[in-house]
C-alpha atoms as a PDB file:
ATOM      1  CA  MET A   1     -69.829  13.101  96.489  1.00  0.00           C
ATOM      2  CA  LYS A   2     -72.215  15.129  98.573  1.00  0.00           C
ATOM      3  CA  LYS A   3     -73.858  13.023 101.564  1.00  0.00           C
ATOM      4  CA  LEU A   4     -76.938  13.520 103.584  1.00  0.00           C
ATOM      5  CA  ASN A   5     -76.689  13.317 107.466  1.00  0.00           C
ATOM      6  CA  ILE A   6     -79.759  11.158 108.621  1.00  0.00           C
ATOM      7  CA  GLY A   7     -81.573  10.923 111.975  1.00  0.00           C
ATOM      8  CA  VAL A   8     -83.845   8.200 112.607  1.00  0.00           C
ATOM      9  CA  ILE A   9     -86.491   8.772 115.094  1.00  0.00           C
ATOM     10  CA  GLY A  10     -88.267   5.724 116.609  1.00  0.00           C
ATOM     11  CA  THR A  11     -86.184   2.305 116.645  1.00  0.00           C
ATOM     12  CA  GLY A  12     -88.916  -0.162 116.645  1.00  0.00           C
ATOM     13  CA  SER A  13     -89.377  -2.890 114.023  1.00  0.00           C
ATOM     14  CA  ILE A  14     -89.979  -0.631 110.887  1.00  0.00           C
ATOM     15  CA  SER A  15     -86.933   1.240 111.653  1.00  0.00           C
ATOM     16  CA  GLN A  16     -84.697  -1.609 110.774  1.00  0.00           C
ATOM     17  CA  SER A  17     -85.665  -1.358 107.111  1.00  0.00           C
ATOM     18  CA  HIS A  18     -84.850   2.326 107.192  1.00  0.00           C
ATOM     19  CA  LEU A  19     -81.446   1.836 108.969  1.00  0.00           C
ATOM     20  CA  ASN A  20     -80.435  -0.876 106.589  1.00  0.00           C
ATOM     21  CA  ALA A  21     -81.256   1.065 103.490  1.00  0.00           C
ATOM     22  CA  TYR A  22     -79.423   3.916 104.671  1.00  0.00           C
ATOM     23  CA  ALA A  23     -76.455   1.785 105.423  1.00  0.00           C
ATOM     24  CA  ASN A  24     -76.649   0.642 101.904  1.00  0.00           C
ATOM     25  CA  ASN A  25     -76.762   4.048 100.350  1.00  0.00           C
ATOM     26  CA  PRO A  26     -73.405   5.606  99.618  1.00  0.00           C
ATOM     27  CA  GLN A  27     -74.833   9.222  99.968  1.00  0.00           C
ATOM     28  CA  ALA A  28     -76.440   8.572 103.471  1.00  0.00           C
ATOM     29  CA  THR A  29     -74.689   8.979 106.704  1.00  0.00           C
ATOM     30  CA  LEU A  30     -76.639   8.062 109.948  1.00  0.00           C
ATOM     31  CA  VAL A  31     -75.533  10.490 112.432  1.00  0.00           C
ATOM     32  CA  ALA A  32     -78.416  10.263 115.137  1.00  0.00           C
ATOM     33  CA  VAL A  33     -81.132   8.003 116.583  1.00  0.00           C
ATOM     34  CA  CYS A  34     -83.830   8.642 119.091  1.00  0.00           C
ATOM     35  CA  ASP A  35     -86.180   6.472 120.960  1.00  0.00           C
ATOM     36  CA  LEU A  36     -88.218   6.771 124.156  1.00  0.00           C
ATOM     37  CA  ASN A  37     -86.466   3.484 125.198  1.00  0.00           C
ATOM     38  CA  GLU A  38     -82.769   4.644 125.756  1.00  0.00           C
ATOM     39  CA  GLU A  39     -81.332   1.210 125.643  1.00  0.00           C
ATOM     40  CA  ARG A  40     -82.870   0.235 122.527  1.00  0.00           C
ATOM     41  CA  ALA A  41     -81.691   3.666 120.833  1.00  0.00           C
ATOM     42  CA  GLN A  42     -78.242   2.922 121.973  1.00  0.00           C
ATOM     43  CA  LYS A  43     -78.229  -0.635 120.481  1.00  0.00           C
ATOM     44  CA  ALA A  44     -79.388   0.730 117.192  1.00  0.00           C
ATOM     45  CA  ALA A  45     -76.675   3.459 117.242  1.00  0.00           C
ATOM     46  CA  GLU A  46     -74.004   1.009 117.954  1.00  0.00           C
ATOM     47  CA  ALA A  47     -75.212  -1.224 115.328  1.00  0.00           C
ATOM     48  CA  TYR A  48     -75.172   1.373 112.305  1.00  0.00           C
ATOM     49  CA  GLY A  49     -72.580   3.711 113.628  1.00  0.00           C
ATOM     50  CA  ALA A  50     -74.514   6.739 114.775  1.00  0.00           C
ATOM     51  CA  SER A  51     -72.492   9.092 117.115  1.00  0.00           C
ATOM     52  CA  ARG A  52     -75.596  10.572 118.788  1.00  0.00           C
ATOM     53  CA  VAL A  53     -78.305   9.124 120.880  1.00  0.00           C
ATOM     54  CA  TYR A  54     -81.562  10.949 122.046  1.00  0.00           C
ATOM     55  CA  THR A  55     -84.692  10.080 123.829  1.00  0.00           C
ATOM     56  CA  ASP A  56     -86.254  13.351 123.093  1.00  0.00           C
ATOM     57  CA  TYR A  57     -87.044  14.076 119.411  1.00  0.00           C
ATOM     58  CA  HIS A  58     -86.803  17.835 119.918  1.00  0.00           C
ATOM     59  CA  GLU A  59     -83.266  17.475 121.022  1.00  0.00           C
ATOM     60  CA  LEU A  60     -82.507  15.383 117.968  1.00  0.00           C
ATOM     61  CA  LEU A  61     -84.086  18.157 115.752  1.00  0.00           C
ATOM     62  CA  ALA A  62     -82.192  20.799 117.390  1.00  0.00           C
ATOM     63  CA  ASP A  63     -78.919  18.883 116.347  1.00  0.00           C
ATOM     64  CA  GLU A  64     -77.522  21.086 113.176  1.00  0.00           C
ATOM     65  CA  ALA A  65     -75.495  18.028 112.130  1.00  0.00           C
ATOM     66  CA  VAL A  66     -78.821  16.233 111.239  1.00  0.00           C
ATOM     67  CA  GLU A  67     -80.029  17.325 107.742  1.00  0.00           C
ATOM     68  CA  ALA A  68     -83.023  14.663 107.247  1.00  0.00           C
ATOM     69  CA  VAL A  69     -84.986  12.494 109.292  1.00  0.00           C
ATOM     70  CA  SER A  70     -86.909   9.192 109.048  1.00  0.00           C
ATOM     71  CA  ILE A  71     -90.029   9.167 111.349  1.00  0.00           C
ATOM     72  CA  CYS A  72     -90.679   5.524 112.520  1.00  0.00           C
ATOM     73  CA  THR A  73     -92.800   6.182 115.505  1.00  0.00           C
ATOM     74  CA  TRP A  74     -96.315   5.426 116.585  1.00  0.00           C
ATOM     75  CA  ASN A  75     -99.009   6.621 114.312  1.00  0.00           C
ATOM     76  CA  HIS A  76    -100.340   9.183 116.599  1.00  0.00           C
ATOM     77  CA  THR A  77     -97.096  11.062 116.711  1.00  0.00           C
ATOM     78  CA  HIS A  78     -96.363  11.404 112.903  1.00  0.00           C
ATOM     79  CA  ALA A  79     -97.818  14.620 112.038  1.00  0.00           C
ATOM     80  CA  GLU A  80     -96.558  16.370 115.369  1.00  0.00           C
ATOM     81  CA  ILE A  81     -92.992  15.315 114.678  1.00  0.00           C
ATOM     82  CA  ALA A  82     -93.219  15.751 110.989  1.00  0.00           C
ATOM     83  CA  ILE A  83     -94.343  19.431 111.487  1.00  0.00           C
ATOM     84  CA  ALA A  84     -91.517  20.019 114.310  1.00  0.00           C
ATOM     85  CA  ALA A  85     -88.930  18.522 111.780  1.00  0.00           C
ATOM     86  CA  VAL A  86     -89.795  20.502 108.898  1.00  0.00           C
ATOM     87  CA  LYS A  87     -89.886  23.671 110.847  1.00  0.00           C
ATOM     88  CA  ALA A  88     -86.543  22.642 112.259  1.00  0.00           C
ATOM     89  CA  GLY A  89     -85.201  22.613 108.616  1.00  0.00           C
ATOM     90  CA  LYS A  90     -85.070  18.894 108.035  1.00  0.00           C
ATOM     91  CA  HIS A  91     -86.028  17.008 105.038  1.00  0.00           C
ATOM     92  CA  VAL A  92     -88.622  14.165 106.236  1.00  0.00           C
ATOM     93  CA  LEU A  93     -89.424  10.718 105.545  1.00  0.00           C
ATOM     94  CA  VAL A  94     -92.442   9.904 107.603  1.00  0.00           C
ATOM     95  CA  GLU A  95     -93.881   6.391 107.758  1.00  0.00           C
ATOM     96  CA  LYS A  96     -97.687   5.888 106.548  1.00  0.00           C
ATOM     97  CA  PRO A  97    -100.178   6.846 107.673  1.00  0.00           C
ATOM     98  CA  LEU A  98     -99.164  10.608 107.445  1.00  0.00           C
ATOM     99  CA  SER A  99    -101.360  11.477 110.394  1.00  0.00           C
ATOM    100  CA  MET A 100    -104.507  10.464 112.431  1.00  0.00           C
ATOM    101  CA  SER A 101    -106.903  12.987 111.001  1.00  0.00           C
ATOM    102  CA  VAL A 102    -107.486  15.075 108.036  1.00  0.00           C
ATOM    103  CA  ALA A 103    -106.916  18.186 110.059  1.00  0.00           C
ATOM    104  CA  GLU A 104    -103.408  16.913 111.062  1.00  0.00           C
ATOM    105  CA  ALA A 105    -102.509  15.976 107.602  1.00  0.00           C
ATOM    106  CA  GLU A 106    -103.514  19.564 106.212  1.00  0.00           C
ATOM    107  CA  ALA A 107    -101.291  21.176 108.999  1.00  0.00           C
ATOM    108  CA  VAL A 108     -98.277  18.972 107.877  1.00  0.00           C
ATOM    109  CA  ARG A 109     -98.983  19.929 104.309  1.00  0.00           C
ATOM    110  CA  ASP A 110     -99.225  23.598 105.301  1.00  0.00           C
ATOM    111  CA  ALA A 111     -95.940  23.281 107.197  1.00  0.00           C
ATOM    112  CA  VAL A 112     -94.180  21.679 104.277  1.00  0.00           C
ATOM    113  CA  ARG A 113     -95.504  24.373 101.794  1.00  0.00           C
ATOM    114  CA  ALA A 114     -94.215  27.169 103.912  1.00  0.00           C
ATOM    115  CA  SER A 115     -90.761  25.702 103.920  1.00  0.00           C
ATOM    116  CA  ASP A 116     -88.074  24.798 101.175  1.00  0.00           C
ATOM    117  CA  ARG A 117     -87.923  21.356 102.708  1.00  0.00           C
ATOM    118  CA  ILE A 118     -89.237  18.116 101.112  1.00  0.00           C
ATOM    119  CA  LEU A 119     -91.459  15.422 102.906  1.00  0.00           C
ATOM    120  CA  GLN A 120     -91.739  11.790 101.483  1.00  0.00           C
ATOM    121  CA  VAL A 121     -94.675   9.632 102.731  1.00  0.00           C
ATOM    122  CA  GLY A 122     -93.626   6.047 103.246  1.00  0.00           C
ATOM    123  CA  PHE A 123     -95.862   4.342 100.709  1.00  0.00           C
ATOM    124  CA  VAL A 124     -93.215   1.757  99.918  1.00  0.00           C
ATOM    125  CA  ARG A 125     -95.424  -0.195  97.454  1.00  0.00           C
ATOM    126  CA  ARG A 126     -94.945   2.697  94.753  1.00  0.00           C
ATOM    127  CA  TYR A 127     -91.274   1.994  94.812  1.00  0.00           C
ATOM    128  CA  ASP A 128     -91.415  -1.657  93.739  1.00  0.00           C
ATOM    129  CA  ALA A 129     -89.894  -2.496  90.659  1.00  0.00           C
ATOM    130  CA  CYS A 130     -93.110  -4.375  89.357  1.00  0.00           C
ATOM    131  CA  ALA A 131     -95.218  -1.217  90.302  1.00  0.00           C
ATOM    132  CA  GLN A 132     -92.860   1.048  88.483  1.00  0.00           C
ATOM    133  CA  LEU A 133     -93.019  -1.215  85.436  1.00  0.00           C
ATOM    134  CA  ALA A 134     -96.702  -1.265  85.372  1.00  0.00           C
ATOM    135  CA  LYS A 135     -96.859   2.578  85.834  1.00  0.00           C
ATOM    136  CA  ARG A 136     -94.427   2.882  82.809  1.00  0.00           C
ATOM    137  CA  PHE A 137     -96.849   0.877  80.701  1.00  0.00           C
ATOM    138  CA  ALA A 138     -99.889   2.754  82.075  1.00  0.00           C
ATOM    139  CA  ASP A 139     -98.402   6.221  81.212  1.00  0.00           C
ATOM    140  CA  GLN A 140     -97.584   4.832  77.667  1.00  0.00           C
ATOM    141  CA  ASP A 141    -101.375   4.090  77.307  1.00  0.00           C
ATOM    142  CA  GLU A 142    -100.802   0.383  77.143  1.00  0.00           C
ATOM    143  CA  PHE A 143    -104.002  -0.376  79.274  1.00  0.00           C
ATOM    144  CA  GLY A 144    -106.131   2.674  77.803  1.00  0.00           C
ATOM    145  CA  GLU A 145    -108.420   4.255  80.508  1.00  0.00           C
ATOM    146  CA  LEU A 146    -107.906   2.638  83.819  1.00  0.00           C
ATOM    147  CA  TYR A 147    -111.380   2.552  85.317  1.00  0.00           C
ATOM    148  CA  TYR A 148    -111.491  -0.045  87.867  1.00  0.00           C
ATOM    149  CA  ALA A 149    -109.244  -1.572  90.541  1.00  0.00           C
ATOM    150  CA  LYS A 150    -109.777  -4.497  92.971  1.00  0.00           C
ATOM    151  CA  ALA A 151    -107.621  -4.697  96.066  1.00  0.00           C
ATOM    152  CA  SER A 152    -107.658  -7.455  98.830  1.00  0.00           C
ATOM    153  CA  LEU A 153    -105.138  -7.820 101.607  1.00  0.00           C
ATOM    154  CA  ILE A 154    -106.817 -10.519 103.913  1.00  0.00           C
ATOM    155  CA  ARG A 155    -105.278 -11.959 106.940  1.00  0.00           C
ATOM    156  CA  ARG A 156    -107.185 -14.717 108.553  1.00  0.00           C
ATOM    157  CA  LEU A 157    -105.022 -14.369 111.816  1.00  0.00           C
ATOM    158  CA  GLY A 158    -102.816 -11.312 111.640  1.00  0.00           C
ATOM    159  CA  ASN A 159    -103.527  -8.841 114.431  1.00  0.00           C
ATOM    160  CA  PRO A 160    -100.186  -7.865 115.588  1.00  0.00           C
ATOM    161  CA  GLY A 161    -101.377  -6.686 119.031  1.00  0.00           C
ATOM    162  CA  GLY A 162     -99.588  -4.069 120.961  1.00  0.00           C
ATOM    163  CA  TRP A 163     -99.722  -0.500 119.809  1.00  0.00           C
ATOM    164  CA  PHE A 164    -100.996  -1.894 116.415  1.00  0.00           C
ATOM    165  CA  ALA A 165    -104.324  -3.023 118.282  1.00  0.00           C
ATOM    166  CA  ASP A 166    -104.456   0.415 120.291  1.00  0.00           C
ATOM    167  CA  LYS A 167    -106.737   2.650 118.355  1.00  0.00           C
ATOM    168  CA  ASP A 168    -105.564   5.714 120.442  1.00  0.00           C
ATOM    169  CA  ARG A 169    -102.015   5.150 119.075  1.00  0.00           C
ATOM    170  CA  SER A 170    -102.481   3.507 115.620  1.00  0.00           C
ATOM    171  CA  GLY A 171    -105.757   5.145 114.519  1.00  0.00           C
ATOM    172  CA  GLY A 172    -107.292   2.107 113.238  1.00  0.00           C
ATOM    173  CA  GLY A 173    -106.650  -1.550 112.586  1.00  0.00           C
ATOM    174  CA  PRO A 174    -105.988  -3.379 109.195  1.00  0.00           C
ATOM    175  CA  LEU A 175    -107.446  -0.412 107.146  1.00  0.00           C
ATOM    176  CA  ILE A 176    -105.085   2.280 108.358  1.00  0.00           C
ATOM    177  CA  ASP A 177    -102.206  -0.367 108.796  1.00  0.00           C
ATOM    178  CA  ILE A 178    -102.062  -2.520 105.663  1.00  0.00           C
ATOM    179  CA  GLY A 179    -105.268  -1.305 103.579  1.00  0.00           C
ATOM    180  CA  VAL A 180    -103.589   2.010 103.261  1.00  0.00           C
ATOM    181  CA  HIS A 181    -100.783   0.375 101.051  1.00  0.00           C
ATOM    182  CA  VAL A 182    -103.056  -1.251  98.461  1.00  0.00           C
ATOM    183  CA  ILE A 183    -105.480   1.573  98.166  1.00  0.00           C
ATOM    184  CA  ASP A 184    -102.519   4.092  97.457  1.00  0.00           C
ATOM    185  CA  LEU A 185    -100.890   1.652  95.166  1.00  0.00           C
ATOM    186  CA  SER A 186    -104.064   1.205  93.196  1.00  0.00           C
ATOM    187  CA  TRP A 187    -104.891   5.029  93.289  1.00  0.00           C
ATOM    188  CA  TYR A 188    -101.121   5.643  92.232  1.00  0.00           C
ATOM    189  CA  LEU A 189    -101.382   3.112  89.276  1.00  0.00           C
ATOM    190  CA  MET A 190    -104.701   4.778  88.093  1.00  0.00           C
ATOM    191  CA  GLY A 191    -103.167   8.223  87.722  1.00  0.00           C
ATOM    192  CA  ARG A 192    -104.178   9.470  91.240  1.00  0.00           C
ATOM    193  CA  PRO A 193    -107.709  10.804  90.158  1.00  0.00           C
ATOM    194  CA  LYS A 194    -109.662  13.081  92.197  1.00  0.00           C
ATOM    195  CA  VAL A 195    -111.781  11.304  94.950  1.00  0.00           C
ATOM    196  CA  LYS A 196    -115.601  11.950  94.677  1.00  0.00           C
ATOM    197  CA  SER A 197    -117.066   9.655  97.356  1.00  0.00           C
ATOM    198  CA  VAL A 198    -116.556   6.773  99.619  1.00  0.00           C
ATOM    199  CA  SER A 199    -118.587   4.131 100.921  1.00  0.00           C
ATOM    200  CA  GLY A 200    -117.321   1.810 103.579  1.00  0.00           C
ATOM    201  CA  ASN A 201    -118.022  -1.046 106.109  1.00  0.00           C
ATOM    202  CA  VAL A 202    -115.929  -1.582 109.428  1.00  0.00           C
ATOM    203  CA  TYR A 203    -116.422  -4.856 111.430  1.00  0.00           C
ATOM    204  CA  SER A 204    -115.365  -5.640 114.836  1.00  0.00           C
ATOM    205  CA  LYS A 205    -116.454  -9.475 115.260  1.00  0.00           C
ATOM    206  CA  LEU A 206    -113.799 -11.780 116.120  1.00  0.00           C
ATOM    207  CA  GLY A 207    -111.193  -9.895 118.068  1.00  0.00           C
ATOM    208  CA  ASN A 208    -107.488 -10.820 118.358  1.00  0.00           C
ATOM    209  CA  ARG A 209    -108.296 -14.536 117.938  1.00  0.00           C
ATOM    210  CA  SER A 210    -105.366 -15.454 120.444  1.00  0.00           C
ATOM    211  CA  ASN A 211    -107.034 -18.810 121.078  1.00  0.00           C
ATOM    212  CA  ILE A 212    -105.909 -20.091 117.816  1.00  0.00           C
ATOM    213  CA  LYS A 213    -103.249 -22.811 117.836  1.00  0.00           C
ATOM    214  CA  GLY A 214    -100.861 -24.175 115.405  1.00  0.00           C
ATOM    215  CA  LEU A 215    -100.502 -20.760 113.247  1.00  0.00           C
ATOM    216  CA  SER A 216     -97.765 -18.309 113.999  1.00  0.00           C
ATOM    217  CA  PHE A 217     -97.838 -14.621 112.992  1.00  0.00           C
ATOM    218  CA  TYR A 218     -95.974 -11.396 113.679  1.00  0.00           C
ATOM    219  CA  GLN A 219     -96.567 -10.047 117.009  1.00  0.00           C
ATOM    220  CA  ALA A 220     -95.480  -6.520 118.158  1.00  0.00           C
ATOM    221  CA  ALA A 221     -92.879  -6.188 120.955  1.00  0.00           C
ATOM    222  CA  ASP A 222     -95.622  -5.061 123.554  1.00  0.00           C
ATOM    223  CA  TYR A 223     -98.153  -7.716 122.361  1.00  0.00           C
ATOM    224  CA  ASP A 224    -101.151  -8.335 124.663  1.00  0.00           C
ATOM    225  CA  ALA A 225    -103.992 -10.130 123.282  1.00  0.00           C
ATOM    226  CA  SER A 226    -106.372  -8.784 126.036  1.00  0.00           C
ATOM    227  CA  ARG A 227    -105.946  -5.234 124.667  1.00  0.00           C
ATOM    228  CA  ASN A 228    -107.657  -4.766 121.162  1.00  0.00           C
ATOM    229  CA  THR A 229    -109.767  -1.658 120.248  1.00  0.00           C
ATOM    230  CA  VAL A 230    -109.258  -1.831 116.378  1.00  0.00           C
ATOM    231  CA  GLU A 231    -111.497  -3.362 113.726  1.00  0.00           C
ATOM    232  CA  ASP A 232    -111.023  -6.832 112.282  1.00  0.00           C
ATOM    233  CA  MET A 233    -112.041  -6.227 108.867  1.00  0.00           C
ATOM    234  CA  ALA A 234    -112.916  -3.211 106.452  1.00  0.00           C
ATOM    235  CA  ASN A 235    -114.342  -2.832 102.924  1.00  0.00           C
ATOM    236  CA  ALA A 236    -114.823   0.139 100.770  1.00  0.00           C
ATOM    237  CA  LEU A 237    -115.993   1.273  97.426  1.00  0.00           C
ATOM    238  CA  ILE A 238    -114.069   4.626  96.507  1.00  0.00           C
ATOM    239  CA  ARG A 239    -115.622   6.701  93.469  1.00  0.00           C
ATOM    240  CA  PHE A 240    -113.624   9.130  91.608  1.00  0.00           C
ATOM    241  CA  GLU A 241    -114.650  12.275  89.524  1.00  0.00           C
ATOM    242  CA  ASN A 242    -113.863  10.511  86.265  1.00  0.00           C
ATOM    243  CA  GLY A 243    -116.004   7.873  86.877  1.00  0.00           C
ATOM    244  CA  ALA A 244    -113.191   5.045  88.028  1.00  0.00           C
ATOM    245  CA  SER A 245    -113.635   3.062  91.083  1.00  0.00           C
ATOM    246  CA  ILE A 246    -111.439   0.959  93.522  1.00  0.00           C
ATOM    247  CA  LEU A 247    -113.163  -1.906  95.644  1.00  0.00           C
ATOM    248  CA  VAL A 248    -111.019  -2.727  98.630  1.00  0.00           C
ATOM    249  CA  GLU A 249    -111.201  -5.244 101.417  1.00  0.00           C
ATOM    250  CA  VAL A 250    -108.665  -5.775 104.295  1.00  0.00           C
ATOM    251  CA  SER A 251    -108.461  -7.778 107.393  1.00  0.00           C
ATOM    252  CA  TYR A 252    -106.629  -8.953 110.593  1.00  0.00           C
ATOM    253  CA  ALA A 253    -109.031 -11.658 111.416  1.00  0.00           C
ATOM    254  CA  LEU A 254    -111.355 -13.292 109.185  1.00  0.00           C
ATOM    255  CA  HIS A 255    -112.720 -16.935 108.679  1.00  0.00           C
ATOM    256  CA  ALA A 256    -111.030 -17.309 105.493  1.00  0.00           C
ATOM    257  CA  LYS A 257    -109.586 -20.392 104.035  1.00  0.00           C
ATOM    258  CA  SER A 258    -106.191 -18.600 103.654  1.00  0.00           C
ATOM    259  CA  ASP A 259    -104.290 -15.336 103.540  1.00  0.00           C
ATOM    260  CA  GLU A 260    -104.675 -13.479 100.404  1.00  0.00           C
ATOM    261  CA  SER A 261    -102.980 -10.491  98.621  1.00  0.00           C
ATOM    262  CA  ALA A 262    -104.591  -9.423  95.335  1.00  0.00           C
ATOM    263  CA  VAL A 263    -104.420  -6.285  93.409  1.00  0.00           C
ATOM    264  CA  ARG A 264    -105.880  -5.916  89.865  1.00  0.00           C
ATOM    265  CA  LEU A 265    -106.535  -3.132  87.684  1.00  0.00           C
ATOM    266  CA  TYR A 266    -108.784  -2.939  84.560  1.00  0.00           C
ATOM    267  CA  GLY A 267    -108.692  -0.697  81.683  1.00  0.00           C
ATOM    268  CA  THR A 268    -110.201  -0.190  78.194  1.00  0.00           C
ATOM    269  CA  LYS A 269    -107.170  -1.498  76.372  1.00  0.00           C
ATOM    270  CA  GLY A 270    -105.776  -4.016  78.684  1.00  0.00           C
ATOM    271  CA  GLY A 271    -105.299  -4.856  82.482  1.00  0.00           C
ATOM    272  CA  PHE A 272    -102.769  -6.148  84.956  1.00  0.00           C
ATOM    273  CA  GLU A 273    -102.219  -7.753  88.279  1.00  0.00           C
ATOM    274  CA  ILE A 274     -99.715  -6.618  90.689  1.00  0.00           C
ATOM    275  CA  ASP A 275    -100.511  -9.100  93.437  1.00  0.00           C
ATOM    276  CA  PRO A 276     -99.954 -11.873  93.846  1.00  0.00           C
ATOM    277  CA  GLU A 277     -97.623 -11.642  90.829  1.00  0.00           C
ATOM    278  CA  LEU A 278     -97.144  -9.221  88.029  1.00  0.00           C
ATOM    279  CA  THR A 279     -99.027 -10.232  84.996  1.00  0.00           C
ATOM    280  CA  ILE A 280    -100.358  -8.281  81.955  1.00  0.00           C
ATOM    281  CA  VAL A 281    -103.591  -8.837  80.227  1.00  0.00           C
ATOM    282  CA  SER A 282    -103.618  -7.525  76.620  1.00  0.00           C
ATOM    283  CA  GLU A 283    -105.846  -7.882  73.395  1.00  0.00           C
ATOM    284  CA  ARG A 284    -104.019  -8.401  70.047  1.00  0.00           C
ATOM    285  CA  HIS A 285    -105.608  -9.509  66.664  1.00  0.00           C
ATOM    286  CA  ASP A 286    -108.872 -10.331  68.306  1.00  0.00           C
ATOM    287  CA  THR A 287    -107.194 -12.618  70.921  1.00  0.00           C
ATOM    288  CA  ILE A 288    -106.900 -12.050  74.522  1.00  0.00           C
ATOM    289  CA  LEU A 289    -103.219 -12.656  75.776  1.00  0.00           C
ATOM    290  CA  ASN A 290    -101.735 -13.251  79.141  1.00  0.00           C
ATOM    291  CA  VAL A 291     -98.211 -11.781  79.166  1.00  0.00           C
ATOM    292  CA  THR A 292     -95.484 -12.474  81.609  1.00  0.00           C
ATOM    293  CA  PRO A 293     -92.990  -9.876  81.848  1.00  0.00           C
ATOM    294  CA  GLN A 294     -89.227 -11.233  81.899  1.00  0.00           C
ATOM    295  CA  VAL A 295     -87.953  -9.400  85.085  1.00  0.00           C
ATOM    296  CA  ASP A 296     -85.957 -10.677  88.218  1.00  0.00           C
ATOM    297  CA  SER A 297     -88.991 -10.954  90.220  1.00  0.00           C
ATOM    298  CA  LEU A 298     -92.704 -10.890  89.584  1.00  0.00           C
ATOM    299  CA  LYS A 299     -93.673 -10.553  93.360  1.00  0.00           C
ATOM    300  CA  PHE A 300     -93.248  -7.634  95.446  1.00  0.00           C
ATOM    301  CA  ASP A 301     -89.721  -7.432  97.041  1.00  0.00           C
ATOM    302  CA  PHE A 302     -89.912  -5.591 100.236  1.00  0.00           C
ATOM    303  CA  ALA A 303     -86.388  -5.109 100.780  1.00  0.00           C
ATOM    304  CA  LYS A 304     -85.700  -3.898  97.263  1.00  0.00           C
ATOM    305  CA  ALA A 305     -88.662  -1.749  97.338  1.00  0.00           C
ATOM    306  CA  PHE A 306     -87.620  -0.320 100.617  1.00  0.00           C
ATOM    307  CA  GLN A 307     -84.157   0.422  99.330  1.00  0.00           C
ATOM    308  CA  SER A 308     -85.653   2.229  96.226  1.00  0.00           C
ATOM    309  CA  GLU A 309     -87.721   4.207  98.712  1.00  0.00           C
ATOM    310  CA  ILE A 310     -84.860   5.371 100.846  1.00  0.00           C
ATOM    311  CA  ASP A 311     -82.651   6.057  97.693  1.00  0.00           C
ATOM    312  CA  SER A 312     -85.520   8.132  96.117  1.00  0.00           C
ATOM    313  CA  PHE A 313     -85.653  10.191  99.549  1.00  0.00           C
ATOM    314  CA  VAL A 314     -81.979  10.851  99.813  1.00  0.00           C
ATOM    315  CA  ASN A 315     -81.927  11.653  96.209  1.00  0.00           C
ATOM    316  CA  SER A 316     -84.731  14.168  96.642  1.00  0.00           C
ATOM    317  CA  ALA A 317     -83.355  15.742  99.550  1.00  0.00           C
ATOM    318  CA  LEU A 318     -79.984  16.390  98.129  1.00  0.00           C
ATOM    319  CA  THR A 319     -81.406  17.782  94.619  1.00  0.00           C
ATOM    320  CA  GLY A 320     -84.678  19.224  95.887  1.00  0.00           C
ATOM    321  CA  THR A 321     -86.723  17.363  93.393  1.00  0.00           C
ATOM    322  CA  GLU A 322     -90.362  16.375  94.456  1.00  0.00           C
ATOM    323  CA  PRO A 323     -90.776  12.952  95.985  1.00  0.00           C
ATOM    324  CA  LEU A 324     -92.455  10.144  94.208  1.00  0.00           C
ATOM    325  CA  SER A 325     -94.961  10.088  97.240  1.00  0.00           C
ATOM    326  CA  PRO A 326     -95.288  13.694  98.182  1.00  0.00           C
ATOM    327  CA  VAL A 327     -97.250  15.237 101.161  1.00  0.00           C
ATOM    328  CA  GLU A 328    -100.157  15.929  99.172  1.00  0.00           C
ATOM    329  CA  ASP A 329    -100.632  12.337  98.463  1.00  0.00           C
ATOM    330  CA  GLY A 330    -100.531  11.435 102.213  1.00  0.00           C
ATOM    331  CA  LEU A 331    -103.152  13.945 102.626  1.00  0.00           C
ATOM    332  CA  THR A 332    -105.586  12.465 100.119  1.00  0.00           C
ATOM    333  CA  MET A 333    -104.921   8.893 101.615  1.00  0.00           C
ATOM    334  CA  MET A 334    -105.959  10.485 104.955  1.00  0.00           C
ATOM    335  CA  ARG A 335    -109.147  11.685 103.446  1.00  0.00           C
ATOM    336  CA  ILE A 336    -110.049   8.346 102.026  1.00  0.00           C
ATOM    337  CA  LEU A 337    -109.234   6.341 105.311  1.00  0.00           C
ATOM    338  CA  ARG A 338    -111.193   8.619 107.520  1.00  0.00           C
ATOM    339  CA  ALA A 339    -114.077   8.875 105.109  1.00  0.00           C
ATOM    340  CA  ILE A 340    -114.205   4.994 105.125  1.00  0.00           C
ATOM    341  CA  TYR A 341    -114.453   4.908 108.839  1.00  0.00           C
ATOM    342  CA  GLU A 342    -116.971   7.766 108.719  1.00  0.00           C
ATOM    343  CA  SER A 343    -119.066   5.990 106.207  1.00  0.00           C
ATOM    344  CA  ALA A 344    -119.071   2.831 108.298  1.00  0.00           C
ATOM    345  CA  GLU A 345    -120.245   5.040 111.583  1.00  0.00           C
ATOM    346  CA  GLN A 346    -122.917   6.832 109.689  1.00  0.00           C
ATOM    347  CA  GLY A 347    -124.185   3.827 107.556  1.00  0.00           C
ATOM    348  CA  LYS A 348    -123.965   6.331 104.227  1.00  0.00           C
ATOM    349  CA  GLU A 349    -121.787   7.200 101.533  1.00  0.00           C
ATOM    350  CA  ILE A 350    -119.392  10.232 102.346  1.00  0.00           C
ATOM    351  CA  GLU A 351    -119.046  12.858  99.745  1.00  0.00           C
ATOM    352  CA  LEU A 352    -115.449  14.328  99.601  1.00  0.00           C
END
């Protein structure tokens, strides 16, 4: 059985999901890890059996034993490393977002097109079993024309701080961090229609809210409540050339009763919810039906979805097949995200 030699660049928190999934894939072999923090890289290498440790990603990319890489670094380095990796002849799985700007995303796309390598963007929600079930139903015209989606990902207290809260490294707050997942998931399930325009609002009203007591939340390793340059909340209306639209709202901090995750899509023949759990709405014999699929889990399973994402990447790299989340889709998402920020800054709808 042919195996793919993997290098992981960046050994922060998200890398654990990559490392675990590679360890569980019989066709993947972890041979190298890289991190600016040598001690952290060394620990990851020892834990997962990698024989090579680097602190400079250029050195890892020059290693001929490495055939493919996962890029798990700060957002502002994604495009630079992805381009270097493709030019070095490596297949690439890059965490979302693909880049910090549209120009960077276009440069990544151009580099991929000029090579014979594949690049997969880390839109993990696409790889979840419930999303794939809904996509199969949509592709079989179960819902008719999907013309409207509503996506909410609300954290009332959920600013991780650290680099997540540093706009220079992250590119933005909840919109670019967690909002990208539900926007991409909705767009993907709608059949990836061509974007026409975007109207958005961005708010920075509450800050980190580190004064709150009694509620715990995920904090980055370099958490510092005094440093926060990203938005608290964003919302947007995304319009498509086929007349469809997505309404999205996301937050790190909001005076909400509780956290909320809801993704709902509506069509001419039926509809469905992905979050908080999979439900199909149908109409039969002049009667509206709420249908519950009989599956192992009706909720998003992060670990299984991540394993599916890694398995798909390994298979694409070994067979040369196009990924489920190709570089072109990463570019489209970056155009949408940047247009939302631009719309908020200019106070007007942005035509794409």
